PDB file of N, CA and C in Angstrom:
ATOM      1  N   MET A   1     -20.579  18.080  -3.834  1.00  0.00           N
ATOM      2  CA  MET A   1     -19.990  16.988  -4.578  1.00  0.00           C
ATOM      3  C   MET A   1     -18.463  17.033  -4.472  1.00  0.00           C
ATOM      4  N   VAL A   2     -17.880  18.207  -4.622  1.00  0.00           N
ATOM      5  CA  VAL A   2     -16.420  18.344  -4.533  1.00  0.00           C
ATOM      6  C   VAL A   2     -15.955  17.982  -3.129  1.00  0.00           C
ATOM      7  N   GLY A   3     -16.702  18.424  -2.122  1.00  0.00           N
ATOM      8  CA  GLY A   3     -16.358  18.112  -0.738  1.00  0.00           C
ATOM      9  C   GLY A   3     -16.343  16.612  -0.476  1.00  0.00           C
ATOM     10  N   TRP A   4     -17.327  15.893  -1.010  1.00  0.00           N
ATOM     11  CA  TRP A   4     -17.391  14.444  -0.849  1.00  0.00           C
ATOM     12  C   TRP A   4     -16.186  13.788  -1.509  1.00  0.00           C
ATOM     13  N   PHE A   5     -15.825  14.226  -2.698  1.00  0.00           N
ATOM     14  CA  PHE A   5     -14.683  13.676  -3.423  1.00  0.00           C
ATOM     15  C   PHE A   5     -13.401  13.863  -2.618  1.00  0.00           C
ATOM     16  N   VAL A   6     -13.186  15.054  -2.096  1.00  0.00           N
ATOM     17  CA  VAL A   6     -11.991  15.341  -1.294  1.00  0.00           C
ATOM     18  C   VAL A   6     -12.001  14.485  -0.033  1.00  0.00           C
ATOM     19  N   TYR A   7     -13.139  14.399   0.627  1.00  0.00           N
ATOM     20  CA  TYR A   7     -13.231  13.580   1.837  1.00  0.00           C
ATOM     21  C   TYR A   7     -12.869  12.128   1.560  1.00  0.00           C
ATOM     22  N   LYS A   8     -13.362  11.554   0.479  1.00  0.00           N
ATOM     23  CA  LYS A   8     -13.089  10.154   0.150  1.00  0.00           C
ATOM     24  C   LYS A   8     -11.605   9.913  -0.099  1.00  0.00           C
ATOM     25  N   ARG A   9     -10.900  10.922  -0.560  1.00  0.00           N
ATOM     26  CA  ARG A   9      -9.461  10.795  -0.810  1.00  0.00           C
ATOM     27  C   ARG A   9      -8.635  10.827   0.470  1.00  0.00           C
ATOM     28  N   VAL A  10      -9.080  11.575   1.465  1.00  0.00           N
ATOM     29  CA  VAL A  10      -8.279  11.762   2.676  1.00  0.00           C
ATOM     30  C   VAL A  10      -8.845  11.036   3.902  1.00  0.00           C
ATOM     31  N   ALA A  11     -10.045  10.508   3.798  1.00  0.00           N
ATOM     32  CA  ALA A  11     -10.669   9.837   4.942  1.00  0.00           C
ATOM     33  C   ALA A  11      -9.889   8.584   5.332  1.00  0.00           C
ATOM     34  N   PRO A  12      -9.888   8.251   6.610  1.00  0.00           N
ATOM     35  CA  PRO A  12      -9.229   7.014   7.038  1.00  0.00           C
ATOM     36  C   PRO A  12      -9.877   5.800   6.379  1.00  0.00           C
ATOM     37  N   VAL A  13      -9.076   4.781   6.164  1.00  0.00           N
ATOM     38  CA  VAL A  13      -9.566   3.536   5.582  1.00  0.00           C
ATOM     39  C   VAL A  13      -9.790   2.555   6.729  1.00  0.00           C
ATOM     40  N   LYS A  14     -10.978   2.014   6.810  1.00  0.00           N
ATOM     41  CA  LYS A  14     -11.327   1.093   7.881  1.00  0.00           C
ATOM     42  C   LYS A  14     -10.392  -0.125   7.864  1.00  0.00           C
ATOM     43  N   ASN A  15      -9.906  -0.496   9.035  1.00  0.00           N
ATOM     44  CA  ASN A  15      -9.034  -1.661   9.236  1.00  0.00           C
ATOM     45  C   ASN A  15      -7.667  -1.555   8.565  1.00  0.00           C
ATOM     46  N   LEU A  16      -7.269  -0.389   8.143  1.00  0.00           N
ATOM     47  CA  LEU A  16      -5.932  -0.191   7.573  1.00  0.00           C
ATOM     48  C   LEU A  16      -5.001   0.224   8.705  1.00  0.00           C
ATOM     49  N   ARG A  17      -3.989  -0.596   8.947  1.00  0.00           N
ATOM     50  CA  ARG A  17      -3.030  -0.297  10.006  1.00  0.00           C
ATOM     51  C   ARG A  17      -2.001   0.707   9.514  1.00  0.00           C
ATOM     52  N   ASN A  18      -1.763   1.729  10.321  1.00  0.00           N
ATOM     53  CA  ASN A  18      -0.752   2.740  10.022  1.00  0.00           C
ATOM     54  C   ASN A  18       0.561   2.321  10.660  1.00  0.00           C
ATOM     55  N   LEU A  19       1.630   2.322   9.892  1.00  0.00           N
ATOM     56  CA  LEU A  19       2.951   1.999  10.400  1.00  0.00           C
ATOM     57  C   LEU A  19       3.831   3.236  10.375  1.00  0.00           C
ATOM     58  N   THR A  20       4.534   3.457  11.448  1.00  0.00           N
ATOM     59  CA  THR A  20       5.538   4.513  11.449  1.00  0.00           C
ATOM     60  C   THR A  20       6.774   3.983  10.735  1.00  0.00           C
ATOM     61  N   GLU A  21       7.706   4.866  10.459  1.00  0.00           N
ATOM     62  CA  GLU A  21       8.956   4.450   9.826  1.00  0.00           C
ATOM     63  C   GLU A  21       9.673   3.418  10.696  1.00  0.00           C
ATOM     64  N   GLU A  22       9.692   3.648  11.994  1.00  0.00           N
ATOM     65  CA  GLU A  22      10.350   2.722  12.920  1.00  0.00           C
ATOM     66  C   GLU A  22       9.669   1.350  12.924  1.00  0.00           C
ATOM     67  N   GLU A  23       8.341   1.334  12.928  1.00  0.00           N
ATOM     68  CA  GLU A  23       7.604   0.066  12.903  1.00  0.00           C
ATOM     69  C   GLU A  23       7.865  -0.698  11.605  1.00  0.00           C
ATOM     70  N   LEU A  24       7.940   0.040  10.494  1.00  0.00           N
ATOM     71  CA  LEU A  24       8.229  -0.611   9.215  1.00  0.00           C
ATOM     72  C   LEU A  24       9.631  -1.221   9.234  1.00  0.00           C
ATOM     73  N   ARG A  25      10.602  -0.481   9.735  1.00  0.00           N
ATOM     74  CA  ARG A  25      11.966  -1.018   9.817  1.00  0.00           C
ATOM     75  C   ARG A  25      12.001  -2.303  10.621  1.00  0.00           C
ATOM     76  N   GLU A  26      11.288  -2.319  11.729  1.00  0.00           N
ATOM     77  CA  GLU A  26      11.252  -3.526  12.568  1.00  0.00           C
ATOM     78  C   GLU A  26      10.616  -4.691  11.815  1.00  0.00           C
ATOM     79  N   LYS A  27       9.518  -4.434  11.121  1.00  0.00           N
ATOM     80  CA  LYS A  27       8.865  -5.492  10.346  1.00  0.00           C
ATOM     81  C   LYS A  27       9.795  -6.024   9.261  1.00  0.00           C
ATOM     82  N   LEU A  28      10.571  -5.141   8.633  1.00  0.00           N
ATOM     83  CA  LEU A  28      11.466  -5.564   7.560  1.00  0.00           C
ATOM     84  C   LEU A  28      12.675  -6.327   8.088  1.00  0.00           C
ATOM     85  N   ARG A  29      13.060  -6.085   9.338  1.00  0.00           N
ATOM     86  CA  ARG A  29      14.171  -6.823   9.954  1.00  0.00           C
ATOM     87  C   ARG A  29      13.821  -8.290  10.151  1.00  0.00           C
ATOM     88  N   VAL A  30      12.565  -8.535  10.454  1.00  0.00           N
ATOM     89  CA  VAL A  30      12.106  -9.894  10.722  1.00  0.00           C
ATOM     90  C   VAL A  30      11.580 -10.494   9.428  1.00  0.00           C
ATOM     91  N   THR A  31      12.206 -11.596   9.010  1.00  0.00           N
ATOM     92  CA  THR A  31      11.707 -12.248   7.810  1.00  0.00           C
ATOM     93  C   THR A  31      10.370 -12.876   8.121  1.00  0.00           C
ATOM     94  N   GLY A  32       9.553 -12.991   7.128  1.00  0.00           N
ATOM     95  CA  GLY A  32       8.251 -13.575   7.398  1.00  0.00           C
ATOM     96  C   GLY A  32       7.265 -13.373   6.290  1.00  0.00           C
ATOM     97  N   ASN A  33       6.048 -13.435   6.686  1.00  0.00           N
ATOM     98  CA  ASN A  33       4.924 -13.497   5.779  1.00  0.00           C
ATOM     99  C   ASN A  33       4.393 -12.105   5.420  1.00  0.00           C
ATOM    100  N   LYS A  34       5.193 -11.362   4.649  1.00  0.00           N
ATOM    101  CA  LYS A  34       4.775 -10.005   4.279  1.00  0.00           C
ATOM    102  C   LYS A  34       5.312  -9.656   2.897  1.00  0.00           C
ATOM    103  N   GLU A  35       4.671  -8.681   2.291  1.00  0.00           N
ATOM    104  CA  GLU A  35       5.069  -8.187   0.968  1.00  0.00           C
ATOM    105  C   GLU A  35       5.021  -6.664   1.024  1.00  0.00           C
ATOM    106  N   LEU A  36       6.123  -6.025   0.668  1.00  0.00           N
ATOM    107  CA  LEU A  36       6.212  -4.571   0.647  1.00  0.00           C
ATOM    108  C   LEU A  36       5.902  -4.097  -0.765  1.00  0.00           C
ATOM    109  N   ILE A  37       4.861  -3.291  -0.912  1.00  0.00           N
ATOM    110  CA  ILE A  37       4.375  -2.857  -2.217  1.00  0.00           C
ATOM    111  C   ILE A  37       4.506  -1.344  -2.350  1.00  0.00           C
ATOM    112  N   ASP A  38       5.249  -0.908  -3.352  1.00  0.00           N
ATOM    113  CA  ASP A  38       5.389   0.507  -3.694  1.00  0.00           C
ATOM    114  C   ASP A  38       4.336   0.808  -4.752  1.00  0.00           C
ATOM    115  N   VAL A  39       3.352   1.637  -4.416  1.00  0.00           N
ATOM    116  CA  VAL A  39       2.248   1.908  -5.344  1.00  0.00           C
ATOM    117  C   VAL A  39       2.472   3.170  -6.181  1.00  0.00           C
ATOM    118  N   ARG A  40       3.708   3.682  -6.144  1.00  0.00           N
ATOM    119  CA  ARG A  40       4.018   4.838  -6.993  1.00  0.00           C
ATOM    120  C   ARG A  40       4.209   4.367  -8.441  1.00  0.00           C
ATOM    121  N   GLU A  41       4.229   5.312  -9.346  1.00  0.00           N
ATOM    122  CA  GLU A  41       4.450   4.984 -10.757  1.00  0.00           C
ATOM    123  C   GLU A  41       5.883   4.478 -10.959  1.00  0.00           C
ATOM    124  N   THR A  42       6.092   3.746 -12.026  1.00  0.00           N
ATOM    125  CA  THR A  42       7.370   3.084 -12.282  1.00  0.00           C
ATOM    126  C   THR A  42       8.544   4.046 -12.292  1.00  0.00           C
ATOM    127  N   HIS A  43       8.389   5.205 -12.921  1.00  0.00           N
ATOM    128  CA  HIS A  43       9.508   6.155 -12.967  1.00  0.00           C
ATOM    129  C   HIS A  43       9.863   6.659 -11.566  1.00  0.00           C
ATOM    130  N   GLU A  44       8.868   6.764 -10.688  1.00  0.00           N
ATOM    131  CA  GLU A  44       9.138   7.165  -9.305  1.00  0.00           C
ATOM    132  C   GLU A  44       9.883   6.049  -8.571  1.00  0.00           C
ATOM    133  N   PHE A  45       9.470   4.829  -8.796  1.00  0.00           N
ATOM    134  CA  PHE A  45      10.101   3.670  -8.167  1.00  0.00           C
ATOM    135  C   PHE A  45      11.576   3.586  -8.543  1.00  0.00           C
ATOM    136  N   TYR A  46      11.869   3.773  -9.829  1.00  0.00           N
ATOM    137  CA  TYR A  46      13.257   3.666 -10.281  1.00  0.00           C
ATOM    138  C   TYR A  46      14.129   4.842  -9.859  1.00  0.00           C
ATOM    139  N   SER A  47      13.506   5.922  -9.423  1.00  0.00           N
ATOM    140  CA  SER A  47      14.303   7.045  -8.922  1.00  0.00           C
ATOM    141  C   SER A  47      14.714   6.817  -7.467  1.00  0.00           C
ATOM    142  N   GLY A  48      14.174   5.774  -6.847  1.00  0.00           N
ATOM    143  CA  GLY A  48      14.541   5.408  -5.484  1.00  0.00           C
ATOM    144  C   GLY A  48      13.397   4.699  -4.795  1.00  0.00           C
ATOM    145  N   HIS A  49      13.715   3.598  -4.111  1.00  0.00           N
ATOM    146  CA  HIS A  49      12.680   2.837  -3.414  1.00  0.00           C
ATOM    147  C   HIS A  49      13.286   2.079  -2.234  1.00  0.00           C
ATOM    148  N   ILE A  50      12.430   1.540  -1.406  1.00  0.00           N
ATOM    149  CA  ILE A  50      12.862   0.749  -0.258  1.00  0.00           C
ATOM    150  C   ILE A  50      13.305  -0.617  -0.760  1.00  0.00           C
ATOM    151  N   HIS A  51      14.473  -1.041  -0.301  1.00  0.00           N
ATOM    152  CA  HIS A  51      15.021  -2.332  -0.713  1.00  0.00           C
ATOM    153  C   HIS A  51      14.021  -3.456  -0.422  1.00  0.00           C
ATOM    154  N   GLY A  52      13.805  -4.290  -1.410  1.00  0.00           N
ATOM    155  CA  GLY A  52      12.894  -5.417  -1.254  1.00  0.00           C
ATOM    156  C   GLY A  52      11.467  -5.134  -1.677  1.00  0.00           C
ATOM    157  N   ALA A  53      11.173  -3.894  -2.011  1.00  0.00           N
ATOM    158  CA  ALA A  53       9.808  -3.536  -2.417  1.00  0.00           C
ATOM    159  C   ALA A  53       9.523  -4.007  -3.835  1.00  0.00           C
ATOM    160  N   VAL A  54       8.271  -4.304  -4.076  1.00  0.00           N
ATOM    161  CA  VAL A  54       7.773  -4.643  -5.402  1.00  0.00           C
ATOM    162  C   VAL A  54       6.974  -3.444  -5.894  1.00  0.00           C
ATOM    163  N   ASN A  55       7.190  -3.062  -7.147  1.00  0.00           N
ATOM    164  CA  ASN A  55       6.473  -1.917  -7.702  1.00  0.00           C
ATOM    165  C   ASN A  55       5.212  -2.379  -8.413  1.00  0.00           C
ATOM    166  N   ILE A  56       4.073  -2.010  -7.853  1.00  0.00           N
ATOM    167  CA  ILE A  56       2.781  -2.212  -8.511  1.00  0.00           C
ATOM    168  C   ILE A  56       2.063  -0.875  -8.429  1.00  0.00           C
ATOM    169  N   PRO A  57       2.205  -0.064  -9.485  1.00  0.00           N
ATOM    170  CA  PRO A  57       1.593   1.271  -9.454  1.00  0.00           C
ATOM    171  C   PRO A  57       0.083   1.209  -9.223  1.00  0.00           C
ATOM    172  N   LEU A  58      -0.427   2.170  -8.491  1.00  0.00           N
ATOM    173  CA  LEU A  58      -1.863   2.257  -8.254  1.00  0.00           C
ATOM    174  C   LEU A  58      -2.633   2.192  -9.565  1.00  0.00           C
ATOM    175  N   SER A  59      -2.110   2.822 -10.600  1.00  0.00           N
ATOM    176  CA  SER A  59      -2.794   2.855 -11.897  1.00  0.00           C
ATOM    177  C   SER A  59      -2.905   1.475 -12.544  1.00  0.00           C
ATOM    178  N   ARG A  60      -2.128   0.496 -12.073  1.00  0.00           N
ATOM    179  CA  ARG A  60      -2.135  -0.861 -12.639  1.00  0.00           C
ATOM    180  C   ARG A  60      -2.583  -1.909 -11.616  1.00  0.00           C
ATOM    181  N   LEU A  61      -2.920  -1.484 -10.419  1.00  0.00           N
ATOM    182  CA  LEU A  61      -3.204  -2.412  -9.333  1.00  0.00           C
ATOM    183  C   LEU A  61      -4.310  -3.410  -9.677  1.00  0.00           C
ATOM    184  N   LYS A  62      -5.413  -2.942 -10.191  1.00  0.00           N
ATOM    185  CA  LYS A  62      -6.528  -3.846 -10.497  1.00  0.00           C
ATOM    186  C   LYS A  62      -6.134  -4.910 -11.513  1.00  0.00           C
ATOM    187  N   GLN A  63      -5.286  -4.551 -12.465  1.00  0.00           N
ATOM    188  CA  GLN A  63      -4.848  -5.508 -13.479  1.00  0.00           C
ATOM    189  C   GLN A  63      -3.822  -6.500 -12.936  1.00  0.00           C
ATOM    190  N   ARG A  64      -3.180  -6.168 -11.826  1.00  0.00           N
ATOM    191  CA  ARG A  64      -2.096  -7.003 -11.300  1.00  0.00           C
ATOM    192  C   ARG A  64      -2.424  -7.663  -9.960  1.00  0.00           C
ATOM    193  N   LEU A  65      -3.687  -7.708  -9.602  1.00  0.00           N
ATOM    194  CA  LEU A  65      -4.088  -8.288  -8.319  1.00  0.00           C
ATOM    195  C   LEU A  65      -3.640  -9.736  -8.160  1.00  0.00           C
ATOM    196  N   LYS A  66      -3.576 -10.479  -9.243  1.00  0.00           N
ATOM    197  CA  LYS A  66      -3.183 -11.889  -9.158  1.00  0.00           C
ATOM    198  C   LYS A  66      -1.754 -12.059  -8.652  1.00  0.00           C
ATOM    199  N   GLU A  67      -0.953 -11.011  -8.727  1.00  0.00           N
ATOM    200  CA  GLU A  67       0.425 -11.070  -8.239  1.00  0.00           C
ATOM    201  C   GLU A  67       0.514 -10.926  -6.723  1.00  0.00           C
ATOM    202  N   LEU A  68      -0.571 -10.515  -6.095  1.00  0.00           N
ATOM    203  CA  LEU A  68      -0.564 -10.249  -4.659  1.00  0.00           C
ATOM    204  C   LEU A  68      -1.184 -11.399  -3.876  1.00  0.00           C
ATOM    205  N   PRO A  69      -0.407 -11.989  -2.988  1.00  0.00           N
ATOM    206  CA  PRO A  69      -0.935 -13.110  -2.195  1.00  0.00           C
ATOM    207  C   PRO A  69      -1.918 -12.632  -1.125  1.00  0.00           C
ATOM    208  N   LYS A  70      -2.960 -13.404  -0.915  1.00  0.00           N
ATOM    209  CA  LYS A  70      -3.928 -13.063   0.129  1.00  0.00           C
ATOM    210  C   LYS A  70      -3.509 -13.616   1.481  1.00  0.00           C
ATOM    211  N   ASP A  71      -2.494 -14.474   1.496  1.00  0.00           N
ATOM    212  CA  ASP A  71      -2.067 -15.097   2.745  1.00  0.00           C
ATOM    213  C   ASP A  71      -0.857 -14.402   3.368  1.00  0.00           C
ATOM    214  N   LYS A  72      -0.512 -13.212   2.885  1.00  0.00           N
ATOM    215  CA  LYS A  72       0.591 -12.439   3.446  1.00  0.00           C
ATOM    216  C   LYS A  72       0.095 -11.053   3.833  1.00  0.00           C
ATOM    217  N   GLU A  73       0.807 -10.446   4.786  1.00  0.00           N
ATOM    218  CA  GLU A  73       0.533  -9.046   5.094  1.00  0.00           C
ATOM    219  C   GLU A  73       1.054  -8.201   3.938  1.00  0.00           C
ATOM    220  N   LEU A  74       0.238  -7.322   3.427  1.00  0.00           N
ATOM    221  CA  LEU A  74       0.654  -6.400   2.373  1.00  0.00           C
ATOM    222  C   LEU A  74       0.910  -5.050   3.020  1.00  0.00           C
ATOM    223  N   ILE A  75       2.123  -4.540   2.827  1.00  0.00           N
ATOM    224  CA  ILE A  75       2.495  -3.235   3.370  1.00  0.00           C
ATOM    225  C   ILE A  75       2.658  -2.284   2.193  1.00  0.00           C
ATOM    226  N   LEU A  76       1.842  -1.266   2.149  1.00  0.00           N
ATOM    227  CA  LEU A  76       1.818  -0.317   1.039  1.00  0.00           C
ATOM    228  C   LEU A  76       2.584   0.943   1.389  1.00  0.00           C
ATOM    229  N   TYR A  77       3.222   1.534   0.370  1.00  0.00           N
ATOM    230  CA  TYR A  77       3.784   2.870   0.570  1.00  0.00           C
ATOM    231  C   TYR A  77       3.811   3.625  -0.742  1.00  0.00           C
ATOM    232  N   CYS A  78       3.823   4.957  -0.613  1.00  0.00           N
ATOM    233  CA  CYS A  78       3.905   5.855  -1.762  1.00  0.00           C
ATOM    234  C   CYS A  78       4.579   7.133  -1.299  1.00  0.00           C
ATOM    235  N   GLN A  79       4.440   8.192  -2.055  1.00  0.00           N
ATOM    236  CA  GLN A  79       5.085   9.465  -1.717  1.00  0.00           C
ATOM    237  C   GLN A  79       4.436  10.145  -0.510  1.00  0.00           C
ATOM    238  N   SER A  80       3.116  10.279  -0.536  1.00  0.00           N
ATOM    239  CA  SER A  80       2.437  11.061   0.503  1.00  0.00           C
ATOM    240  C   SER A  80       1.451  10.267   1.354  1.00  0.00           C
ATOM    241  N   GLY A  81       1.078   9.078   0.916  1.00  0.00           N
ATOM    242  CA  GLY A  81       0.082   8.283   1.628  1.00  0.00           C
ATOM    243  C   GLY A  81      -1.277   8.278   0.965  1.00  0.00           C
ATOM    244  N   MET A  82      -1.515   9.164   0.045  1.00  0.00           N
ATOM    245  CA  MET A  82      -2.811   9.233  -0.630  1.00  0.00           C
ATOM    246  C   MET A  82      -3.060   7.994  -1.491  1.00  0.00           C
ATOM    247  N   ARG A  83      -2.061   7.596  -2.262  1.00  0.00           N
ATOM    248  CA  ARG A  83      -2.226   6.415  -3.115  1.00  0.00           C
ATOM    249  C   ARG A  83      -2.314   5.141  -2.288  1.00  0.00           C
ATOM    250  N   ASN A  84      -1.636   5.127  -1.132  1.00  0.00           N
ATOM    251  CA  ASN A  84      -1.756   3.979  -0.216  1.00  0.00           C
ATOM    252  C   ASN A  84      -3.211   3.722   0.127  1.00  0.00           C
ATOM    253  N   LYS A  85      -3.890   4.793   0.501  1.00  0.00           N
ATOM    254  CA  LYS A  85      -5.283   4.668   0.928  1.00  0.00           C
ATOM    255  C   LYS A  85      -6.166   4.187  -0.221  1.00  0.00           C
ATOM    256  N   GLN A  86      -5.940   4.719  -1.404  1.00  0.00           N
ATOM    257  CA  GLN A  86      -6.716   4.279  -2.562  1.00  0.00           C
ATOM    258  C   GLN A  86      -6.445   2.803  -2.852  1.00  0.00           C
ATOM    259  N   ALA A  87      -5.175   2.411  -2.779  1.00  0.00           N
ATOM    260  CA  ALA A  87      -4.810   1.017  -3.013  1.00  0.00           C
ATOM    261  C   ALA A  87      -5.430   0.108  -1.954  1.00  0.00           C
ATOM    262  N   ALA A  88      -5.410   0.547  -0.700  1.00  0.00           N
ATOM    263  CA  ALA A  88      -5.993  -0.248   0.386  1.00  0.00           C
ATOM    264  C   ALA A  88      -7.487  -0.461   0.160  1.00  0.00           C
ATOM    265  N   ARG A  89      -8.182   0.557  -0.278  1.00  0.00           N
ATOM    266  CA  ARG A  89      -9.619   0.411  -0.557  1.00  0.00           C
ATOM    267  C   ARG A  89      -9.864  -0.624  -1.645  1.00  0.00           C
ATOM    268  N   ILE A  90      -9.058  -0.584  -2.696  1.00  0.00           N
ATOM    269  CA  ILE A  90      -9.183  -1.561  -3.785  1.00  0.00           C
ATOM    270  C   ILE A  90      -8.939  -2.965  -3.249  1.00  0.00           C
ATOM    271  N   LEU A  91      -7.874  -3.137  -2.469  1.00  0.00           N
ATOM    272  CA  LEU A  91      -7.535  -4.452  -1.933  1.00  0.00           C
ATOM    273  C   LEU A  91      -8.617  -4.970  -0.994  1.00  0.00           C
ATOM    274  N   GLN A  92      -9.152  -4.105  -0.158  1.00  0.00           N
ATOM    275  CA  GLN A  92     -10.207  -4.534   0.759  1.00  0.00           C
ATOM    276  C   GLN A  92     -11.458  -4.982  -0.001  1.00  0.00           C
ATOM    277  N   LYS A  93     -11.788  -4.298  -1.081  1.00  0.00           N
ATOM    278  CA  LYS A  93     -12.938  -4.706  -1.893  1.00  0.00           C
ATOM    279  C   LYS A  93     -12.722  -6.068  -2.531  1.00  0.00           C
ATOM    280  N   LYS A  94     -11.452  -6.449  -2.704  1.00  0.00           N
ATOM    281  CA  LYS A  94     -11.108  -7.752  -3.295  1.00  0.00           C
ATOM    282  C   LYS A  94     -10.761  -8.781  -2.220  1.00  0.00           C
ATOM    283  N   ASN A  95     -11.173  -8.504  -0.990  1.00  0.00           N
ATOM    284  CA  ASN A  95     -11.052  -9.427   0.137  1.00  0.00           C
ATOM    285  C   ASN A  95      -9.630  -9.665   0.631  1.00  0.00           C
ATOM    286  N   TYR A  96      -8.769  -8.686   0.487  1.00  0.00           N
ATOM    287  CA  TYR A  96      -7.468  -8.731   1.152  1.00  0.00           C
ATOM    288  C   TYR A  96      -7.697  -8.168   2.547  1.00  0.00           C
ATOM    289  N   THR A  97      -7.305  -8.921   3.561  1.00  0.00           N
ATOM    290  CA  THR A  97      -7.639  -8.524   4.924  1.00  0.00           C
ATOM    291  C   THR A  97      -6.444  -8.046   5.740  1.00  0.00           C
ATOM    292  N   ASP A  98      -5.228  -8.406   5.353  1.00  0.00           N
ATOM    293  CA  ASP A  98      -4.043  -8.067   6.138  1.00  0.00           C
ATOM    294  C   ASP A  98      -3.262  -6.987   5.397  1.00  0.00           C
ATOM    295  N   VAL A  99      -3.713  -5.735   5.533  1.00  0.00           N
ATOM    296  CA  VAL A  99      -3.135  -4.619   4.796  1.00  0.00           C
ATOM    297  C   VAL A  99      -2.694  -3.522   5.775  1.00  0.00           C
ATOM    298  N   SER A 100      -1.454  -3.073   5.595  1.00  0.00           N
ATOM    299  CA  SER A 100      -0.904  -1.974   6.388  1.00  0.00           C
ATOM    300  C   SER A 100      -0.321  -0.950   5.429  1.00  0.00           C
ATOM    301  N   HIS A 101      -0.010   0.245   5.967  1.00  0.00           N
ATOM    302  CA  HIS A 101       0.664   1.224   5.122  1.00  0.00           C
ATOM    303  C   HIS A 101       1.585   2.093   5.933  1.00  0.00           C
ATOM    304  N   LEU A 102       2.615   2.567   5.270  1.00  0.00           N
ATOM    305  CA  LEU A 102       3.565   3.481   5.881  1.00  0.00           C
ATOM    306  C   LEU A 102       2.925   4.852   5.904  1.00  0.00           C
ATOM    307  N   SER A 103       2.744   5.393   7.103  1.00  0.00           N
ATOM    308  CA  SER A 103       2.078   6.700   7.193  1.00  0.00           C
ATOM    309  C   SER A 103       3.098   7.825   7.097  1.00  0.00           C
TER     310      SER A 103
END
């Protein structure tokens, strides 16, 4: 049971695109149809974040789904990538199809 729990936390998320730092910078240079989402907790966000990011903590994501457009690419980031994956799974279950994350 513990092994399954650990695996679900670190396993790849189907159809989740991994972005390198360089790829993210390029995407942010080009204006367009995307939303950068910081899924860290609010106190982490205020201690430093990527310019232009919106803070929607993983712990509040389900309650704030209405704030996220389905017609834009959603780019997720956090401290280590673990919360990104959890957030991506939630979004995919709610039919968000254009989801990437900073690896």
